[in-house]
Amino acid sequence: MSDKKLIGVDLGGTTIKFAILTDDGKIQQKWSIRTNVLDEGSHIVPDIIESINHHIDLYKMDKSQFVGIGMGTPGTVNRQLGTVIGAYNLNWKTTQPVKEQIEAGTGLKFAIDNDANCAGLGEAWKGAGNDGDDVVFITLGTGVGGGIVANGELVHGINGAAGEVGHMCVEPNNGYQCTCGNYGCLEQYASATGIVHLAQDATEEYVGNSPLKEMVDNGEEVTSKDVFEIAQTGDYLANQVVDKVCFYLGLACANISNTLNPESLVIGGGVSAAGAYLLDRVKNNFEKYAFPTVRTSTVLKLAQLGNDAGVIGAASLAKQFD
């Protein structure tokens, strides 16, 4: 273990998070700036460079103290070239030479990967994965993303699309249409937006009294958090929705685990804030569909790092330069 530092960057559509970490993954400093997506996202990389250089000066550090920078980003990443394309929430429609620009602007080595992969690396290294070599991470947010660590390495696949667990088909007949064009993807049932869609459809068919039905019928904005909170009061309709969500998620966890048999399958993202209420029901469905050996060896867990998962995992990318 060296005493050199790592820099992690978690690039999001509204916020860019930064952290300076020790070589063994302890955060020493962290800060964030707003993401300026104006002018086709042309301000984003210069803002990252300026912020890193400014904070190294601010903390009276020297660039020789750093191994390098790792960054997680939305979009399609070419890890070798260090480029990103198709990050539409950043306004990056054309190929962005991120590595070339950041290395030139900071004088530090730079590595990049998909943001869900980085969050998975973070949880595997310093979170619920307990530094395990075989960890699957599923993040339930606006969409459903994932990261797969097998034999201590991120799995990327031939074209970088490995870990797209949100696009596993869990409802092949008459499933909701996904933004990817297919029908019945997990993302349409277990994401925050998917849960609301399920709630609205269930409400249309329900004739009893229910606080959830009242909210939907009154045109109030319903969130996935509302659905879980109302379900926990014993509301029948909300519990029907939660049961469906946990069925689809448990089935997906079993299929993933039957294929990979990870030590841990970690569930994170905003929806996972429902905690044990979500996890216990997902486990029930997982146990129903998992292969017997998998059922007794793969453990389902809730993520532990929260918003720090991305910067910690991104920073770990820079360890390759150590």
Protein backbone atom coordinates (compact mmCIF):
# COMPACT_ATOMS: atom_id res chain seq x y z
CA MET A 1 0.00 0.00 0.00
CA SER A 2 1.39 3.41 -0.95
CA ASP A 3 0.67 6.72 0.79
CA LYS A 4 -0.32 8.29 -2.51
CA LYS A 5 -3.80 9.70 -3.07
CA LEU A 6 -6.57 8.95 -5.56
CA ILE A 7 -9.10 11.37 -7.04
CA GLY A 8 -12.62 10.15 -7.78
CA VAL A 9 -15.11 12.02 -9.97
CA ASP A 10 -18.79 11.07 -10.25
CA LEU A 11 -20.28 12.95 -13.20
CA GLY A 12 -24.06 13.35 -13.08
CA GLY A 13 -26.62 15.37 -14.99
CA THR A 14 -27.12 17.92 -12.20
CA THR A 15 -24.05 17.56 -9.97
CA ILE A 16 -20.38 16.57 -10.34
CA LYS A 17 -19.07 14.99 -7.14
CA PHE A 18 -15.34 14.87 -6.34
CA ALA A 19 -13.30 13.17 -3.63
CA ILE A 20 -9.67 12.78 -2.62
CA LEU A 21 -9.06 9.32 -1.15
CA THR A 22 -6.23 7.37 0.36
CA ASP A 23 -4.88 4.44 -1.65
CA ASP A 24 -6.95 2.08 0.50
CA GLY A 25 -10.22 3.91 -0.22
CA LYS A 26 -10.80 6.29 2.70
CA ILE A 27 -12.32 9.63 1.69
CA GLN A 28 -10.25 12.53 3.01
CA GLN A 29 -11.89 15.45 1.22
CA LYS A 30 -15.02 15.74 -0.89
CA TRP A 31 -16.85 18.53 -2.69
CA SER A 32 -19.24 19.03 -5.57
CA ILE A 33 -20.11 21.53 -8.30
CA ARG A 34 -23.17 21.99 -10.49
CA THR A 35 -23.09 20.39 -13.94
CA ASN A 36 -23.26 23.06 -16.63
CA VAL A 37 -24.84 21.27 -19.61
CA LEU A 38 -25.24 24.44 -21.70
CA ASP A 39 -23.55 24.78 -25.12
CA GLU A 40 -23.70 21.02 -25.80
CA GLY A 41 -21.97 20.25 -22.52
CA SER A 42 -18.78 22.01 -23.61
CA HIS A 43 -18.22 23.52 -20.13
CA ILE A 44 -18.25 20.20 -18.26
CA VAL A 45 -14.65 19.02 -18.81
CA PRO A 46 -13.08 22.49 -18.33
CA ASP A 47 -15.09 22.84 -15.08
CA ILE A 48 -13.79 19.44 -13.87
CA ILE A 49 -10.19 20.41 -14.66
CA GLU A 50 -10.53 23.81 -12.97
CA SER A 51 -12.15 22.30 -9.86
CA ILE A 52 -9.49 19.60 -9.43
CA ASN A 53 -6.61 22.04 -9.91
CA HIS A 54 -8.25 24.57 -7.56
CA HIS A 55 -8.79 22.03 -4.76
CA ILE A 56 -5.28 20.58 -5.00
CA ASP A 57 -4.01 24.15 -4.47
CA LEU A 58 -6.62 24.84 -1.78
CA TYR A 59 -5.53 21.81 0.26
CA LYS A 60 -1.86 22.78 -0.29
CA MET A 61 -1.11 19.49 -1.99
CA ASP A 62 1.29 18.66 -4.80
CA LYS A 63 0.37 16.73 -7.93
CA SER A 64 3.22 14.30 -7.25
CA GLN A 65 1.14 13.05 -4.29
CA PHE A 66 -1.52 11.63 -6.63
CA VAL A 67 -1.65 8.29 -8.44
CA GLY A 68 -4.30 9.59 -10.83
CA ILE A 69 -7.96 10.42 -11.45
CA GLY A 70 -10.84 7.98 -12.03
CA MET A 71 -14.24 9.10 -13.30
CA GLY A 72 -17.69 7.56 -13.69
CA THR A 73 -19.93 9.01 -16.40
CA PRO A 74 -23.27 8.38 -18.08
CA GLY A 75 -23.20 7.44 -21.76
CA THR A 76 -21.22 4.95 -23.83
CA VAL A 77 -17.59 4.83 -22.72
CA ASN A 78 -14.53 3.76 -24.68
CA ARG A 79 -12.20 2.95 -21.79
CA GLN A 80 -9.09 2.57 -23.95
CA LEU A 81 -9.49 5.90 -25.75
CA GLY A 82 -11.08 7.61 -22.75
CA THR A 83 -13.99 8.95 -24.77
CA VAL A 84 -17.73 9.26 -24.10
CA ILE A 85 -20.66 9.50 -26.52
CA GLY A 86 -24.44 9.50 -26.14
CA ALA A 87 -24.64 10.99 -22.63
CA TYR A 88 -27.83 12.86 -23.47
CA ASN A 89 -28.47 14.21 -19.97
CA LEU A 90 -25.08 15.97 -20.31
CA ASN A 91 -25.88 17.23 -23.82
CA TRP A 92 -22.96 15.12 -25.10
CA LYS A 93 -24.31 13.96 -28.44
CA THR A 94 -20.92 13.70 -30.17
CA THR A 95 -17.73 11.91 -29.04
CA GLN A 96 -16.00 13.69 -26.16
CA PRO A 97 -12.20 13.21 -25.79
CA VAL A 98 -12.42 13.37 -21.99
CA LYS A 99 -9.19 11.54 -21.09
CA GLU A 100 -7.05 13.57 -23.46
CA GLN A 101 -8.44 16.87 -22.17
CA ILE A 102 -8.30 16.05 -18.45
CA GLU A 103 -4.77 14.62 -18.62
CA ALA A 104 -3.61 17.72 -20.49
CA GLY A 105 -5.42 20.06 -18.09
CA THR A 106 -4.33 18.44 -14.80
CA GLY A 107 -1.09 16.65 -15.64
CA LEU A 108 -2.47 13.52 -13.93
CA LYS A 109 -3.23 10.08 -15.37
CA PHE A 110 -6.92 9.49 -16.02
CA ALA A 111 -9.23 6.46 -16.25
CA ILE A 112 -12.94 6.39 -17.05
CA ASP A 113 -15.88 3.96 -16.89
CA ASN A 114 -19.67 3.90 -16.85
CA ASP A 115 -21.24 5.48 -13.75
CA ALA A 116 -23.21 2.38 -12.70
CA ASN A 117 -20.04 0.27 -13.05
CA CYS A 118 -18.21 2.73 -10.81
CA ALA A 119 -20.94 2.63 -8.16
CA GLY A 120 -20.73 -1.17 -8.32
CA LEU A 121 -16.96 -1.05 -7.86
CA GLY A 122 -17.40 1.26 -4.87
CA GLU A 123 -19.89 -1.04 -3.13
CA ALA A 124 -17.77 -4.09 -3.95
CA TRP A 125 -14.58 -2.49 -2.59
CA LYS A 126 -15.62 -0.44 0.45
CA GLY A 127 -19.35 -1.09 0.87
CA ALA A 128 -21.71 -4.04 1.27
CA GLY A 129 -19.52 -6.22 -0.98
CA ASN A 130 -16.81 -6.37 1.74
CA ASP A 131 -14.01 -6.23 -0.85
CA GLY A 132 -15.30 -9.47 -2.38
CA ASP A 133 -14.10 -10.71 -5.78
CA ASP A 134 -17.60 -11.62 -7.00
CA VAL A 135 -20.20 -8.91 -6.42
CA VAL A 136 -23.22 -7.76 -8.44
CA PHE A 137 -24.61 -4.27 -7.86
CA ILE A 138 -28.10 -3.17 -8.94
CA THR A 139 -29.06 0.49 -8.63
CA LEU A 140 -32.75 1.42 -8.57
CA GLY A 141 -33.19 5.07 -9.49
CA THR A 142 -34.94 6.85 -12.36
CA GLY A 143 -33.82 3.79 -14.33
CA VAL A 144 -32.22 0.50 -13.28
CA GLY A 145 -28.46 0.12 -13.75
CA GLY A 146 -25.90 -2.41 -12.69
CA GLY A 147 -22.27 -3.28 -12.30
CA ILE A 148 -20.78 -6.78 -12.23
CA VAL A 149 -17.48 -7.61 -10.53
CA ALA A 150 -16.29 -11.17 -11.29
CA ASN A 151 -12.92 -12.55 -10.17
CA GLY A 152 -12.06 -9.09 -8.88
CA GLU A 153 -12.57 -7.39 -12.26
CA LEU A 154 -15.42 -5.37 -13.73
CA VAL A 155 -17.23 -7.26 -16.49
CA HIS A 156 -17.63 -5.08 -19.60
CA GLY A 157 -18.54 -7.49 -22.39
CA ILE A 158 -17.51 -7.17 -26.03
CA ASN A 159 -19.08 -3.73 -26.51
CA GLY A 160 -19.24 -2.35 -22.97
CA ALA A 161 -22.89 -3.30 -22.39
CA ALA A 162 -22.37 -5.95 -19.68
CA GLY A 163 -24.22 -5.18 -16.47
CA GLU A 164 -27.28 -3.67 -18.18
CA VAL A 165 -29.49 -5.56 -15.75
CA GLY A 166 -32.29 -3.02 -16.14
CA HIS A 167 -32.89 -4.43 -19.62
CA MET A 168 -33.35 -8.02 -18.51
CA CYS A 169 -36.80 -9.08 -19.72
CA VAL A 170 -38.98 -9.99 -16.73
CA GLU A 171 -42.41 -9.66 -18.38
CA PRO A 172 -42.15 -11.15 -21.89
CA ASN A 173 -45.89 -11.08 -22.63
CA ASN A 174 -47.65 -7.71 -22.78
CA GLY A 175 -44.91 -5.98 -20.78
CA TYR A 176 -44.54 -2.21 -20.57
CA GLN A 177 -42.53 -0.71 -23.43
CA CYS A 178 -39.06 0.43 -22.35
CA THR A 179 -37.11 3.47 -23.56
CA CYS A 180 -34.72 0.96 -25.20
CA GLY A 181 -37.55 -0.13 -27.53
CA ASN A 182 -38.10 -3.59 -26.04
CA TYR A 183 -41.02 -4.68 -23.86
CA GLY A 184 -41.04 -5.99 -20.30
CA CYS A 185 -37.60 -4.74 -19.13
CA LEU A 186 -36.91 -4.80 -15.37
CA GLU A 187 -36.38 -1.02 -15.52
CA GLN A 188 -40.10 -0.59 -16.27
CA TYR A 189 -41.08 -2.32 -13.02
CA ALA A 190 -38.38 -1.70 -10.41
CA SER A 191 -37.23 1.86 -11.14
CA ALA A 192 -38.79 4.87 -9.39
CA THR A 193 -40.70 5.73 -12.57
CA GLY A 194 -41.70 2.10 -13.17
CA ILE A 195 -43.13 1.77 -9.66
CA VAL A 196 -45.31 4.85 -10.23
CA HIS A 197 -46.50 3.38 -13.56
CA LEU A 198 -47.47 0.14 -11.78
CA ALA A 199 -49.28 2.14 -9.07
CA GLN A 200 -51.27 4.14 -11.61
CA ASP A 201 -52.34 1.01 -13.50
CA ALA A 202 -53.27 -0.85 -10.31
CA THR A 203 -55.34 2.14 -9.15
CA GLU A 204 -57.44 2.10 -12.33
CA GLU A 205 -58.54 -1.47 -11.62
CA TYR A 206 -59.07 -1.03 -7.86
CA VAL A 207 -62.55 -0.22 -6.50
CA GLY A 208 -61.87 -0.15 -2.74
CA ASN A 209 -60.77 2.74 -0.52
CA SER A 210 -57.08 3.53 -0.44
CA PRO A 211 -54.90 6.57 0.33
CA LEU A 212 -52.83 5.64 -2.73
CA LYS A 213 -55.92 5.53 -4.95
CA GLU A 214 -57.04 8.87 -3.53
CA MET A 215 -53.70 10.49 -4.42
CA VAL A 216 -53.76 9.13 -7.98
CA ASP A 217 -57.44 9.97 -8.53
CA ASN A 218 -56.89 13.53 -7.27
CA GLY A 219 -54.07 14.02 -9.76
CA GLU A 220 -51.46 14.40 -7.01
CA GLU A 221 -47.87 13.61 -7.83
CA VAL A 222 -47.10 10.10 -6.56
CA THR A 223 -43.53 8.92 -5.99
CA SER A 224 -42.12 5.45 -5.39
CA LYS A 225 -41.37 6.62 -1.82
CA ASP A 226 -45.09 7.36 -1.35
CA VAL A 227 -46.02 3.87 -2.58
CA PHE A 228 -43.69 2.17 -0.06
CA GLU A 229 -44.69 4.46 2.82
CA ILE A 230 -48.42 3.90 2.20
CA ALA A 231 -47.84 0.13 1.87
CA GLN A 232 -46.20 0.09 5.30
CA THR A 233 -49.44 1.44 6.84
CA GLY A 234 -51.13 -1.77 5.65
CA ASP A 235 -52.86 -0.33 2.58
CA TYR A 236 -53.99 -3.22 0.36
CA LEU A 237 -53.54 -1.46 -3.00
CA ALA A 238 -50.05 -0.15 -2.21
CA ASN A 239 -49.03 -3.60 -0.99
CA GLN A 240 -50.22 -5.13 -4.25
CA VAL A 241 -47.89 -2.75 -6.09
CA VAL A 242 -44.95 -3.46 -3.77
CA ASP A 243 -45.54 -7.21 -4.15
CA LYS A 244 -45.30 -6.85 -7.95
CA VAL A 245 -42.12 -4.77 -7.75
CA CYS A 246 -40.50 -7.31 -5.42
CA PHE A 247 -41.61 -10.22 -7.60
CA TYR A 248 -39.91 -8.76 -10.67
CA LEU A 249 -36.81 -7.71 -8.74
CA GLY A 250 -36.53 -11.05 -6.92
CA LEU A 251 -36.90 -12.95 -10.21
CA ALA A 252 -34.18 -10.80 -11.81
CA CYS A 253 -31.85 -11.28 -8.80
CA ALA A 254 -32.35 -15.04 -9.02
CA ASN A 255 -31.62 -15.11 -12.77
CA ILE A 256 -28.49 -12.98 -12.37
CA SER A 257 -27.30 -15.08 -9.43
CA ASN A 258 -28.05 -18.38 -11.19
CA THR A 259 -25.76 -17.18 -13.99
CA LEU A 260 -22.94 -15.66 -11.92
CA ASN A 261 -23.29 -17.02 -8.35
CA PRO A 262 -21.78 -13.89 -6.77
CA GLU A 263 -20.84 -13.75 -3.11
CA SER A 264 -23.08 -10.67 -2.70
CA LEU A 265 -25.83 -9.09 -4.75
CA VAL A 266 -26.12 -5.50 -3.54
CA ILE A 267 -29.22 -3.36 -4.12
CA GLY A 268 -28.77 0.42 -4.05
CA GLY A 269 -30.20 3.62 -5.53
CA GLY A 270 -33.05 5.81 -4.30
CA VAL A 271 -35.69 3.06 -4.25
CA SER A 272 -33.51 0.97 -1.89
CA ALA A 273 -34.21 3.58 0.82
CA ALA A 274 -37.30 1.44 1.54
CA GLY A 275 -34.76 -0.75 3.37
CA ALA A 276 -35.65 -4.10 4.91
CA TYR A 277 -39.28 -3.71 3.84
CA LEU A 278 -38.10 -3.98 0.22
CA LEU A 279 -35.21 -6.40 0.79
CA ASP A 280 -37.18 -9.01 2.75
CA ARG A 281 -39.82 -9.30 0.02
CA VAL A 282 -37.22 -9.41 -2.74
CA LYS A 283 -35.42 -12.21 -0.84
CA ASN A 284 -38.64 -14.25 -0.65
CA ASN A 285 -38.95 -14.16 -4.45
CA PHE A 286 -35.21 -14.69 -4.93
CA GLU A 287 -35.37 -17.87 -2.85
CA LYS A 288 -38.34 -19.10 -4.88
CA TYR A 289 -36.49 -18.84 -8.21
CA ALA A 290 -32.82 -19.32 -7.29
CA PHE A 291 -30.95 -22.58 -7.95
CA PRO A 292 -30.54 -24.44 -4.60
CA THR A 293 -26.74 -23.98 -4.44
CA VAL A 294 -27.12 -20.28 -5.28
CA ARG A 295 -29.89 -19.83 -2.71
CA THR A 296 -27.53 -20.88 0.08
CA SER A 297 -24.38 -19.09 -1.11
CA THR A 298 -25.34 -15.74 -2.71
CA VAL A 299 -26.41 -13.12 -0.15
CA LEU A 300 -28.74 -10.23 -1.04
CA LYS A 301 -27.80 -6.99 0.73
CA LEU A 302 -28.66 -3.30 0.78
CA ALA A 303 -25.99 -0.86 -0.40
CA GLN A 304 -24.04 0.92 2.33
CA LEU A 305 -22.21 3.82 0.69
CA GLY A 306 -25.12 5.96 -0.52
CA ASN A 307 -23.97 8.88 -2.66
CA ASP A 308 -20.28 8.08 -2.02
CA ALA A 309 -20.35 4.80 -4.00
CA GLY A 310 -19.69 6.54 -7.31
CA VAL A 311 -16.65 8.58 -6.26
CA ILE A 312 -15.12 5.67 -4.32
CA GLY A 313 -15.53 3.27 -7.26
CA ALA A 314 -14.30 5.87 -9.74
CA ALA A 315 -11.21 6.53 -7.61
CA SER A 316 -10.44 2.81 -7.58
CA LEU A 317 -10.04 2.96 -11.40
CA ALA A 318 -6.92 5.06 -10.83
CA LYS A 319 -5.28 2.29 -8.76
CA GLN A 320 -4.17 0.71 -12.04
CA PHE A 321 -1.58 3.51 -12.28
CA ASP A 322 -0.11 2.74 -8.83
